[in-house]
Structures are given as structure tokens and as C-alpha cells.
């Protein structure tokens, strides 16, 4: 009876099965088993995982698509643009289910409770940029849904580092707290400080290798964040095709706001732009330091291009 019940729970938690399992490091698999059992236990304690159904026919369900990153790559812009499509239901805030232990311990029922109500024909999407660089997240997503469609938006790694610093800098400024200059983070003993977390987050090939242990490349669509800023419509078209959505978003949904310096959205006659925190000017960096940063990323970028079979117009 116990074996039967456990089998029933497993069928509920992993509703979609792929024909073959990707090659996974046996040590990683073994270490995850206690965590996965705990997750299943939490789920079963709540009368099994269930979708919360509304009287109008909509329900809260696990996402079929996750925007996994990258931080300061344009995830918010991507989510807002994708939300123009009538068949998309997006979670408003970053859930951090798979990377924050206190959230993950709550189980799948807690996770589904964070999702928006959606109709059967809609795709539920959540985005948490920290997922991409968190080593434990790919396996956890795989254990939930092996057929998950993943969206990854990337920018020039050097620009992403500067944007990463800018966000933290302004967060401190708003709280009237002092914050060191970017040079103090980028330079250590006269050399580039490769231990700076913002630099590590831009080593895309390292993090991508971890995801490819669990998901095939055709389940991960990479959005060019630099192109999305300059000309959003072609990139969104590619996302529509990846998610097998009908082509509903068109060029008229985007207009360039000269005051803000980036594209805003036009939806059913209403115009809206991203929050004022988006598009902030990066700090001025000495040319020699910027070149040093770009030089450091040259080899990692080549490795990433080889890994995904695609090149990007990065320095």
C-alpha cells in the first residue's frame, strides 16, 4: 500500500515524462534524493498537489515555462513583452522557489499558490533570474517537470557586470547608504578581481553546462538581450515560435520612448513603460579597465558559443 501511494504521488508531481533521461552526475542525483523525498512528503501532507480552480474556469497551475535568467539581462522586459500575448499568464513577482531553501521546503502546493489564475489554453510563466546561476536549481526543475520550456535572456557579459553593479549602487543610494565605486570591486592588487560575484554571474558557459546536464538544448531558448533592447519585435517573434504560440504580438505593440531612451509597450490602446529603475546609466569606467574586462570574457564567451552552437555580438 505504501509503495502504491508513493507511486501515485510521483505521478502527480512529475506529470510529463520524456522518452529518455539526460545524463546526470550520479553524485548530484544521490544528494538530491533526500530533498526530493522531503518535497514529496510536504506535498502529500497537503492532501496531494492540486490546482486551485476558480468559478470562472481559470485555475492556478504549475508553470509550463520559466524565465531562468540571467540577472540584469532583461528578464523583466522579456516578461512584460511576452505578457502582451493573450495566451500568456505571468506571475507578477519573482518566486525564488527553486533557489531559496525556505521556499522550496514548502513544497509544490505552495509554489502553485504563487501562480496567477489562468485558463486551460494559456501558458503560465514565472521568472526568477537567480535560477540560472544557482547550481541546485536545474535538477529541482527537472524533478518537477522534465519537459519544461526554459527562457534564458543574455547580454554582453561586460555590460551585464556594469548593470549588476548599477542596480546594487542605486539600491544603496535610495537607503542613503554609502557604496564603493565600481573600481573597488573590479580591481584587486592591480589586477582584475575575478572573485567579484558580478563577474562570476557573467561566465555563462559554466552555468549553462549545469542546465544541459538535465535539459536538452532545444528546451532552452536563448533571447539576445542586446537585440531585445534595440529592436524587440524580432526577438519576441522567436519566443512565440519556441513556445508554439499563435503569432499575436506585432511591431505596433512597441514604440520608442525618446525621453526614457528605450522601447515601451502599446497594448489595446494603452501605453506603458518599464519601471524607472530600468535603463539607468552605467557608471563611467576607465577605458583600460573596460578593455581588461572584455579581454577576460573573450575565452569564456568562445566556450559558450561552442556550447550552444551560436554566436552573439559581444566584445
Foldseek 3Di string as FASTA:
>chain_A
DVVVVVVVLLCQQAVDDDPDFFAADPVLVVVCVVVVVLQSVLQVVVVHADWAADPVQWTQDDALEEAQAAVQQCPVVLVVQLVLDPQEFEQDDAQCQQPDPVNVSNHDNSVSVSWDTHHPSHGYYYYDNNRLVRLRRLVVVCSRYLLRAYEYEHEQLLVQLLSVVLLVCVVCVVVVHDDDDVCVQQDDPRAGDCVRVSNVSSLNLVSVVSNCSGHPLLSYHYAHSVCCFVQNAVSVVVVCVSVVHDPDDDRVQWDADVVLGTIWGAHPNDTDHDDSSPPDDGDDDDPVSSVSSQVVCPVSQVSNCVVNVHHDPHD
